Amino acid sequence: MFKDFMQIDIIAPGRVKERYLRDAIDEYSKRLSRYCKLNIIEVADEKTPEHASEGVERQIKAKEGERIAKHVRDNAYVIALAIDGKQLSSEQLAAKINDLGLRGTSHIQLVIGGSIGLDDAILRRADFKLSFSKMTFPHQLMRVILLEQIYRAYKINAGEPYHK
């Protein structure tokens, strides 16, 4: 629908090491190439020691946040994945992406936090906070879930069949 101009970036710390997750990411990336320009940006993650103090966790989130911030564009609509964000149905997410395109947004950046979440500075920069669930998911798996939902949104917006 907005193939000629909609750029979608997924920004996340860490590399996906598991082959089965990389295969799923590759498959959804290929499927999405019909609908948008997709860019997956991986930034270095920090190792979180077991039983890290709140202060150490804040420092880790700040370091990852600085790395993420280097890729966040001023002209982009930024959606941060956050457990306290707004939950949307697949149809509502499709409508949001469609509405952004109709309003002239040509660049959407979706930001996934590391294993302990996102830095407050990134959450403050976000134009929208999206929650997939009150549950916590592994951040590598979240990339696959997010890509699947973006793909589903484009299928819905194109009026093409997709599982209900």
N, C-alpha and C. Protein backbone atom coordinates (compact mmCIF):
# COMPACT_ATOMS: atom_id res chain seq x y z
N MET A 1 0.82 -1.18 0.00
CA MET A 1 0.00 0.00 0.00
C MET A 1 0.87 1.26 0.00
N PHE A 2 1.84 1.35 0.94
CA PHE A 2 2.74 2.49 1.01
C PHE A 2 4.15 2.08 0.64
N LYS A 3 4.28 1.07 -0.21
CA LYS A 3 5.58 0.49 -0.53
C LYS A 3 6.60 1.52 -1.01
N ASP A 4 6.14 2.49 -1.78
CA ASP A 4 7.07 3.44 -2.36
C ASP A 4 7.71 4.37 -1.34
N PHE A 5 7.06 4.53 -0.19
CA PHE A 5 7.64 5.52 0.71
C PHE A 5 7.64 5.15 2.19
N MET A 6 6.98 4.12 2.61
CA MET A 6 6.97 3.82 4.05
C MET A 6 8.22 3.03 4.43
N GLN A 7 9.02 3.61 5.30
CA GLN A 7 10.23 2.97 5.84
C GLN A 7 9.89 2.51 7.25
N ILE A 8 10.13 1.26 7.53
CA ILE A 8 9.92 0.74 8.88
C ILE A 8 11.24 0.19 9.38
N ASP A 9 11.67 0.74 10.51
CA ASP A 9 12.89 0.26 11.17
C ASP A 9 12.51 -0.44 12.46
N ILE A 10 13.19 -1.53 12.72
CA ILE A 10 13.10 -2.16 14.03
C ILE A 10 14.47 -2.01 14.66
N ILE A 11 14.53 -1.36 15.80
CA ILE A 11 15.79 -1.12 16.49
C ILE A 11 15.78 -1.93 17.78
N ALA A 12 16.82 -2.75 17.97
CA ALA A 12 16.85 -3.62 19.14
C ALA A 12 18.29 -3.94 19.52
N PRO A 13 18.55 -4.08 20.82
CA PRO A 13 19.89 -4.47 21.24
C PRO A 13 20.12 -5.97 21.09
N GLY A 14 21.34 -6.31 20.75
CA GLY A 14 21.74 -7.71 20.69
C GLY A 14 21.51 -8.35 19.34
N ARG A 15 22.29 -9.39 19.09
CA ARG A 15 22.14 -10.18 17.88
C ARG A 15 21.27 -11.39 18.20
N VAL A 16 20.49 -11.80 17.22
CA VAL A 16 19.70 -13.01 17.37
C VAL A 16 20.60 -14.18 17.00
N LYS A 17 20.89 -15.03 17.96
CA LYS A 17 21.82 -16.14 17.74
C LYS A 17 21.12 -17.42 17.29
N GLU A 18 19.90 -17.62 17.75
CA GLU A 18 19.20 -18.86 17.46
C GLU A 18 18.79 -18.92 15.99
N ARG A 19 19.17 -20.00 15.34
CA ARG A 19 18.91 -20.18 13.91
C ARG A 19 17.42 -20.12 13.59
N TYR A 20 16.59 -20.78 14.39
CA TYR A 20 15.16 -20.83 14.11
C TYR A 20 14.54 -19.43 14.18
N LEU A 21 15.03 -18.57 15.07
CA LEU A 21 14.52 -17.19 15.15
C LEU A 21 15.02 -16.37 13.96
N ARG A 22 16.28 -16.56 13.58
CA ARG A 22 16.82 -15.85 12.41
C ARG A 22 16.05 -16.25 11.15
N ASP A 23 15.73 -17.54 11.03
CA ASP A 23 14.95 -18.01 9.87
C ASP A 23 13.58 -17.33 9.83
N ALA A 24 12.93 -17.23 10.97
CA ALA A 24 11.61 -16.58 11.04
C ALA A 24 11.72 -15.09 10.70
N ILE A 25 12.75 -14.42 11.21
CA ILE A 25 12.97 -13.01 10.92
C ILE A 25 13.20 -12.82 9.42
N ASP A 26 14.02 -13.69 8.84
CA ASP A 26 14.29 -13.61 7.40
C ASP A 26 13.01 -13.82 6.58
N GLU A 27 12.19 -14.78 6.99
CA GLU A 27 10.95 -15.07 6.27
C GLU A 27 10.00 -13.88 6.31
N TYR A 28 9.78 -13.29 7.50
CA TYR A 28 8.87 -12.14 7.58
C TYR A 28 9.47 -10.92 6.89
N SER A 29 10.78 -10.76 6.93
CA SER A 29 11.43 -9.65 6.22
C SER A 29 11.17 -9.77 4.73
N LYS A 30 11.30 -11.00 4.22
CA LYS A 30 11.04 -11.24 2.79
C LYS A 30 9.58 -10.95 2.46
N ARG A 31 8.66 -11.41 3.28
CA ARG A 31 7.24 -11.18 3.03
C ARG A 31 6.91 -9.68 3.07
N LEU A 32 7.53 -8.97 4.01
CA LEU A 32 7.24 -7.54 4.16
C LEU A 32 7.80 -6.71 3.02
N SER A 33 8.78 -7.22 2.30
CA SER A 33 9.41 -6.44 1.22
C SER A 33 8.39 -6.06 0.14
N ARG A 34 7.26 -6.75 0.08
CA ARG A 34 6.19 -6.40 -0.88
C ARG A 34 5.43 -5.15 -0.45
N TYR A 35 5.52 -4.80 0.84
CA TYR A 35 4.67 -3.76 1.39
C TYR A 35 5.41 -2.51 1.88
N CYS A 36 6.65 -2.64 2.29
CA CYS A 36 7.37 -1.51 2.87
C CYS A 36 8.87 -1.74 2.75
N LYS A 37 9.62 -0.71 3.10
CA LYS A 37 11.08 -0.84 3.18
C LYS A 37 11.40 -1.14 4.63
N LEU A 38 11.90 -2.33 4.90
CA LEU A 38 12.18 -2.76 6.27
C LEU A 38 13.68 -2.73 6.53
N ASN A 39 14.02 -2.22 7.69
CA ASN A 39 15.42 -2.16 8.11
C ASN A 39 15.48 -2.64 9.56
N ILE A 40 16.27 -3.66 9.81
CA ILE A 40 16.45 -4.13 11.19
C ILE A 40 17.82 -3.66 11.66
N ILE A 41 17.81 -2.86 12.71
CA ILE A 41 19.04 -2.26 13.25
C ILE A 41 19.34 -2.91 14.59
N GLU A 42 20.46 -3.60 14.65
CA GLU A 42 20.88 -4.23 15.90
C GLU A 42 21.98 -3.38 16.52
N VAL A 43 21.79 -3.02 17.78
CA VAL A 43 22.83 -2.30 18.51
C VAL A 43 23.43 -3.25 19.54
N ALA A 44 24.65 -2.96 19.97
CA ALA A 44 25.31 -3.82 20.95
C ALA A 44 24.50 -3.84 22.25
N ASP A 45 24.39 -5.01 22.83
CA ASP A 45 23.70 -5.11 24.12
C ASP A 45 24.72 -5.23 25.23
N GLU A 46 24.25 -5.01 26.44
CA GLU A 46 25.09 -5.13 27.63
C GLU A 46 24.73 -6.42 28.35
N LYS A 47 25.72 -7.07 28.86
CA LYS A 47 25.46 -8.27 29.66
C LYS A 47 24.95 -7.82 31.04
N THR A 48 23.85 -8.39 31.45
CA THR A 48 23.28 -8.06 32.75
C THR A 48 23.65 -9.14 33.74
N PRO A 49 24.41 -8.78 34.79
CA PRO A 49 24.77 -9.79 35.79
C PRO A 49 23.53 -10.25 36.55
N GLU A 50 23.56 -11.51 36.97
CA GLU A 50 22.44 -12.02 37.78
C GLU A 50 22.36 -11.20 39.07
N HIS A 51 21.15 -10.96 39.51
CA HIS A 51 20.90 -10.20 40.75
C HIS A 51 21.51 -8.81 40.70
N ALA A 52 21.46 -8.17 39.53
CA ALA A 52 21.99 -6.82 39.39
C ALA A 52 21.15 -5.85 40.21
N SER A 53 21.81 -4.89 40.81
CA SER A 53 21.10 -3.87 41.60
C SER A 53 20.32 -2.96 40.65
N GLU A 54 19.40 -2.19 41.23
CA GLU A 54 18.64 -1.24 40.41
C GLU A 54 19.58 -0.25 39.73
N GLY A 55 20.59 0.18 40.45
CA GLY A 55 21.56 1.14 39.89
C GLY A 55 22.30 0.57 38.69
N VAL A 56 22.73 -0.69 38.81
CA VAL A 56 23.42 -1.35 37.70
C VAL A 56 22.47 -1.51 36.51
N GLU A 57 21.23 -1.90 36.78
CA GLU A 57 20.24 -2.05 35.70
C GLU A 57 20.00 -0.71 35.01
N ARG A 58 19.92 0.38 35.79
CA ARG A 58 19.74 1.71 35.20
C ARG A 58 20.92 2.06 34.29
N GLN A 59 22.14 1.74 34.72
CA GLN A 59 23.34 2.02 33.91
C GLN A 59 23.31 1.21 32.61
N ILE A 60 22.91 -0.04 32.70
CA ILE A 60 22.83 -0.91 31.52
C ILE A 60 21.80 -0.35 30.55
N LYS A 61 20.61 0.01 31.06
CA LYS A 61 19.57 0.56 30.19
C LYS A 61 20.04 1.87 29.56
N ALA A 62 20.76 2.67 30.32
CA ALA A 62 21.25 3.95 29.79
C ALA A 62 22.25 3.72 28.65
N LYS A 63 23.15 2.76 28.82
CA LYS A 63 24.13 2.46 27.76
C LYS A 63 23.43 1.98 26.49
N GLU A 64 22.50 1.03 26.67
CA GLU A 64 21.75 0.53 25.51
C GLU A 64 20.91 1.66 24.91
N GLY A 65 20.34 2.49 25.77
CA GLY A 65 19.53 3.61 25.31
C GLY A 65 20.33 4.59 24.45
N GLU A 66 21.57 4.86 24.84
CA GLU A 66 22.44 5.76 24.05
C GLU A 66 22.68 5.17 22.67
N ARG A 67 22.91 3.87 22.63
CA ARG A 67 23.16 3.20 21.34
C ARG A 67 21.92 3.24 20.46
N ILE A 68 20.76 3.02 21.07
CA ILE A 68 19.50 3.08 20.33
C ILE A 68 19.25 4.50 19.82
N ALA A 69 19.47 5.48 20.70
CA ALA A 69 19.20 6.89 20.36
C ALA A 69 19.98 7.36 19.13
N LYS A 70 21.15 6.79 18.91
CA LYS A 70 21.95 7.18 17.74
C LYS A 70 21.24 6.84 16.42
N HIS A 71 20.30 5.93 16.47
CA HIS A 71 19.59 5.50 15.26
C HIS A 71 18.19 6.09 15.15
N VAL A 72 17.70 6.70 16.23
CA VAL A 72 16.36 7.28 16.22
C VAL A 72 16.42 8.60 15.45
N ARG A 73 15.55 8.72 14.46
CA ARG A 73 15.53 9.90 13.59
C ARG A 73 14.48 10.90 14.07
N ASP A 74 14.82 12.18 13.97
CA ASP A 74 13.90 13.24 14.41
C ASP A 74 12.58 13.21 13.64
N ASN A 75 12.64 12.85 12.36
CA ASN A 75 11.44 12.88 11.53
C ASN A 75 10.64 11.57 11.59
N ALA A 76 11.09 10.62 12.37
CA ALA A 76 10.41 9.32 12.44
C ALA A 76 9.34 9.32 13.52
N TYR A 77 8.30 8.53 13.28
CA TYR A 77 7.30 8.25 14.31
C TYR A 77 7.83 7.05 15.08
N VAL A 78 8.11 7.24 16.37
CA VAL A 78 8.76 6.21 17.17
C VAL A 78 7.74 5.49 18.04
N ILE A 79 7.72 4.17 17.90
CA ILE A 79 6.86 3.31 18.72
C ILE A 79 7.79 2.47 19.59
N ALA A 80 7.68 2.66 20.90
CA ALA A 80 8.49 1.88 21.84
C ALA A 80 7.65 0.72 22.36
N LEU A 81 8.22 -0.47 22.36
CA LEU A 81 7.54 -1.61 22.95
C LEU A 81 7.78 -1.56 24.46
N ALA A 82 6.70 -1.46 25.19
CA ALA A 82 6.79 -1.29 26.64
C ALA A 82 5.65 -2.04 27.30
N ILE A 83 5.95 -2.73 28.38
CA ILE A 83 4.94 -3.55 29.05
C ILE A 83 3.78 -2.69 29.54
N ASP A 84 4.04 -1.40 29.84
CA ASP A 84 2.97 -0.51 30.32
C ASP A 84 2.36 0.33 29.19
N GLY A 85 2.67 -0.05 27.94
CA GLY A 85 2.10 0.66 26.79
C GLY A 85 0.67 0.25 26.54
N LYS A 86 0.12 0.77 25.45
CA LYS A 86 -1.27 0.47 25.07
C LYS A 86 -1.31 -0.82 24.27
N GLN A 87 -2.25 -1.69 24.64
CA GLN A 87 -2.43 -2.92 23.89
C GLN A 87 -3.41 -2.66 22.74
N LEU A 88 -3.04 -3.13 21.55
CA LEU A 88 -3.88 -2.98 20.37
C LEU A 88 -4.19 -4.35 19.78
N SER A 89 -5.34 -4.46 19.15
CA SER A 89 -5.63 -5.66 18.37
C SER A 89 -4.84 -5.56 17.07
N SER A 90 -4.77 -6.65 16.34
CA SER A 90 -4.09 -6.63 15.03
C SER A 90 -4.75 -5.61 14.11
N GLU A 91 -6.08 -5.54 14.15
CA GLU A 91 -6.81 -4.59 13.31
C GLU A 91 -6.50 -3.15 13.72
N GLN A 92 -6.38 -2.91 15.02
CA GLN A 92 -6.05 -1.56 15.49
C GLN A 92 -4.62 -1.16 15.09
N LEU A 93 -3.70 -2.10 15.15
CA LEU A 93 -2.33 -1.80 14.71
C LEU A 93 -2.32 -1.51 13.21
N ALA A 94 -3.06 -2.29 12.45
CA ALA A 94 -3.16 -2.04 11.01
C ALA A 94 -3.72 -0.65 10.75
N ALA A 95 -4.75 -0.27 11.48
CA ALA A 95 -5.36 1.05 11.31
C ALA A 95 -4.37 2.16 11.69
N LYS A 96 -3.58 1.93 12.72
CA LYS A 96 -2.58 2.92 13.15
C LYS A 96 -1.53 3.13 12.06
N ILE A 97 -1.02 2.04 11.50
CA ILE A 97 -0.02 2.14 10.43
C ILE A 97 -0.63 2.83 9.22
N ASN A 98 -1.86 2.46 8.87
CA ASN A 98 -2.54 3.07 7.73
C ASN A 98 -2.75 4.57 7.97
N ASP A 99 -3.21 4.93 9.16
CA ASP A 99 -3.47 6.32 9.50
C ASP A 99 -2.18 7.14 9.46
N LEU A 100 -1.10 6.59 9.97
CA LEU A 100 0.18 7.30 9.93
C LEU A 100 0.58 7.59 8.48
N GLY A 101 0.42 6.60 7.61
CA GLY A 101 0.74 6.79 6.20
C GLY A 101 -0.14 7.85 5.56
N LEU A 102 -1.43 7.85 5.89
CA LEU A 102 -2.35 8.83 5.32
C LEU A 102 -2.03 10.24 5.82
N ARG A 103 -1.48 10.34 7.01
CA ARG A 103 -1.11 11.65 7.58
C ARG A 103 0.26 12.12 7.10
N GLY A 104 0.89 11.34 6.24
CA GLY A 104 2.16 11.76 5.66
C GLY A 104 3.39 11.22 6.35
N THR A 105 3.22 10.35 7.34
CA THR A 105 4.38 9.74 7.98
C THR A 105 5.01 8.75 7.01
N SER A 106 6.29 8.90 6.77
CA SER A 106 6.97 8.00 5.84
C SER A 106 8.01 7.14 6.52
N HIS A 107 8.16 7.32 7.83
CA HIS A 107 9.19 6.58 8.56
C HIS A 107 8.67 6.23 9.95
N ILE A 108 8.54 4.94 10.21
CA ILE A 108 8.14 4.44 11.52
C ILE A 108 9.31 3.66 12.09
N GLN A 109 9.66 3.95 13.32
CA GLN A 109 10.72 3.19 13.99
C GLN A 109 10.11 2.52 15.22
N LEU A 110 10.27 1.19 15.29
CA LEU A 110 9.79 0.42 16.43
C LEU A 110 11.00 0.00 17.24
N VAL A 111 10.96 0.28 18.53
CA VAL A 111 12.12 0.04 19.38
C VAL A 111 11.78 -1.03 20.41
N ILE A 112 12.62 -2.07 20.42
CA ILE A 112 12.49 -3.16 21.39
C ILE A 112 13.63 -3.01 22.39
N GLY A 113 13.31 -3.12 23.66
CA GLY A 113 14.34 -3.02 24.70
C GLY A 113 15.12 -4.31 24.83
N GLY A 114 16.18 -4.23 25.58
CA GLY A 114 17.00 -5.40 25.88
C GLY A 114 16.33 -6.26 26.94
N SER A 115 17.09 -7.14 27.54
CA SER A 115 16.52 -8.11 28.48
C SER A 115 15.91 -7.46 29.72
N ILE A 116 16.31 -6.22 30.05
CA ILE A 116 15.72 -5.56 31.23
C ILE A 116 14.87 -4.35 30.85
N GLY A 117 14.61 -4.19 29.56
CA GLY A 117 13.71 -3.12 29.14
C GLY A 117 14.41 -1.94 28.50
N LEU A 118 13.64 -0.86 28.31
CA LEU A 118 14.12 0.33 27.64
C LEU A 118 14.47 1.44 28.62
N ASP A 119 15.45 2.24 28.25
CA ASP A 119 15.84 3.40 29.03
C ASP A 119 14.70 4.43 29.01
N ASP A 120 14.55 5.15 30.11
CA ASP A 120 13.49 6.16 30.21
C ASP A 120 13.60 7.22 29.12
N ALA A 121 14.81 7.58 28.71
CA ALA A 121 14.98 8.60 27.66
C ALA A 121 14.34 8.14 26.35
N ILE A 122 14.46 6.86 26.04
CA ILE A 122 13.85 6.32 24.82
C ILE A 122 12.33 6.31 24.97
N LEU A 123 11.85 5.92 26.14
CA LEU A 123 10.40 5.90 26.38
C LEU A 123 9.82 7.31 26.28
N ARG A 124 10.56 8.31 26.76
CA ARG A 124 10.08 9.70 26.66
C ARG A 124 10.06 10.18 25.21
N ARG A 125 11.03 9.74 24.41
CA ARG A 125 11.10 10.14 23.00
C ARG A 125 9.99 9.50 22.17
N ALA A 126 9.50 8.37 22.62
CA ALA A 126 8.51 7.62 21.84
C ALA A 126 7.24 8.44 21.63
N ASP A 127 6.71 8.34 20.41
CA ASP A 127 5.43 8.97 20.10
C ASP A 127 4.27 8.10 20.56
N PHE A 128 4.55 6.81 20.73
CA PHE A 128 3.52 5.86 21.13
C PHE A 128 4.21 4.70 21.84
N LYS A 129 3.60 4.24 22.93
CA LYS A 129 4.12 3.05 23.61
C LYS A 129 3.14 1.91 23.37
N LEU A 130 3.67 0.82 22.83
CA LEU A 130 2.87 -0.34 22.46
C LEU A 130 3.22 -1.52 23.35
N SER A 131 2.19 -2.17 23.87
CA SER A 131 2.39 -3.38 24.67
C SER A 131 1.74 -4.54 23.95
N PHE A 132 2.45 -5.65 23.89
CA PHE A 132 1.88 -6.86 23.31
C PHE A 132 1.17 -7.69 24.37
N SER A 133 1.53 -7.46 25.63
CA SER A 133 0.97 -8.26 26.71
C SER A 133 1.52 -7.74 28.03
N LYS A 134 0.88 -8.12 29.11
CA LYS A 134 1.45 -7.85 30.43
C LYS A 134 2.57 -8.85 30.73
N MET A 135 2.65 -9.89 29.91
CA MET A 135 3.71 -10.89 30.09
C MET A 135 5.03 -10.36 29.52
N THR A 136 6.11 -10.95 29.97
CA THR A 136 7.44 -10.61 29.46
C THR A 136 7.85 -11.68 28.45
N PHE A 137 8.39 -11.23 27.31
CA PHE A 137 8.86 -12.14 26.28
C PHE A 137 10.37 -11.96 26.10
N PRO A 138 11.07 -13.01 25.68
CA PRO A 138 12.49 -12.84 25.34
C PRO A 138 12.59 -11.80 24.21
N HIS A 139 13.53 -10.86 24.35
CA HIS A 139 13.58 -9.77 23.36
C HIS A 139 13.90 -10.27 21.96
N GLN A 140 14.63 -11.39 21.83
CA GLN A 140 14.89 -11.92 20.48
C GLN A 140 13.59 -12.45 19.85
N LEU A 141 12.78 -13.15 20.64
CA LEU A 141 11.50 -13.67 20.15
C LEU A 141 10.55 -12.52 19.82
N MET A 142 10.66 -11.42 20.55
CA MET A 142 9.79 -10.27 20.31
C MET A 142 9.96 -9.73 18.90
N ARG A 143 11.16 -9.84 18.35
CA ARG A 143 11.37 -9.37 16.97
C ARG A 143 10.49 -10.14 16.00
N VAL A 144 10.42 -11.45 16.19
CA VAL A 144 9.60 -12.29 15.32
C VAL A 144 8.12 -11.93 15.49
N ILE A 145 7.68 -11.80 16.72
CA ILE A 145 6.27 -11.47 16.99
C ILE A 145 5.93 -10.12 16.38
N LEU A 146 6.81 -9.14 16.54
CA LEU A 146 6.59 -7.81 15.99
C LEU A 146 6.53 -7.85 14.46
N LEU A 147 7.48 -8.53 13.84
CA LEU A 147 7.47 -8.64 12.37
C LEU A 147 6.20 -9.30 11.87
N GLU A 148 5.76 -10.35 12.55
CA GLU A 148 4.53 -11.04 12.14
C GLU A 148 3.34 -10.08 12.22
N GLN A 149 3.28 -9.28 13.27
CA GLN A 149 2.15 -8.35 13.42
C GLN A 149 2.20 -7.22 12.39
N ILE A 150 3.40 -6.76 12.05
CA ILE A 150 3.52 -5.73 11.00
C ILE A 150 3.06 -6.33 9.67
N TYR A 151 3.50 -7.56 9.39
CA TYR A 151 3.08 -8.24 8.17
C TYR A 151 1.55 -8.41 8.15
N ARG A 152 1.00 -8.85 9.26
CA ARG A 152 -0.45 -9.03 9.37
C ARG A 152 -1.16 -7.69 9.12
N ALA A 153 -0.61 -6.61 9.68
CA ALA A 153 -1.21 -5.28 9.51
C ALA A 153 -1.25 -4.89 8.02
N TYR A 154 -0.16 -5.13 7.32
CA TYR A 154 -0.15 -4.80 5.88
C TYR A 154 -1.13 -5.67 5.11
N LYS A 155 -1.25 -6.94 5.46
CA LYS A 155 -2.22 -7.82 4.79
C LYS A 155 -3.65 -7.31 5.05
N ILE A 156 -3.92 -6.92 6.29
CA ILE A 156 -5.25 -6.39 6.63
C ILE A 156 -5.51 -5.11 5.83
N ASN A 157 -4.53 -4.21 5.80
CA ASN A 157 -4.71 -2.94 5.09
C ASN A 157 -4.86 -3.12 3.59
N ALA A 158 -4.27 -4.18 3.05
CA ALA A 158 -4.39 -4.46 1.61
C ALA A 158 -5.66 -5.24 1.29
N GLY A 159 -6.41 -5.60 2.33
CA GLY A 159 -7.63 -6.37 2.11
C GLY A 159 -7.36 -7.79 1.69
N GLU A 160 -6.16 -8.28 2.01
CA GLU A 160 -5.79 -9.64 1.63
C GLU A 160 -6.12 -10.58 2.78
N PRO A 161 -6.43 -11.84 2.47
CA PRO A 161 -6.78 -12.78 3.54
C PRO A 161 -5.62 -13.08 4.46
N TYR A 162 -5.95 -13.22 5.72
CA TYR A 162 -4.98 -13.62 6.73
C TYR A 162 -5.78 -14.26 7.84
N HIS A 163 -5.16 -15.13 8.59
CA HIS A 163 -5.89 -15.84 9.67
C HIS A 163 -6.56 -14.85 10.60
N LYS A 164 -7.74 -15.19 11.04
CA LYS A 164 -8.44 -14.35 12.03
C LYS A 164 -8.17 -14.90 13.41
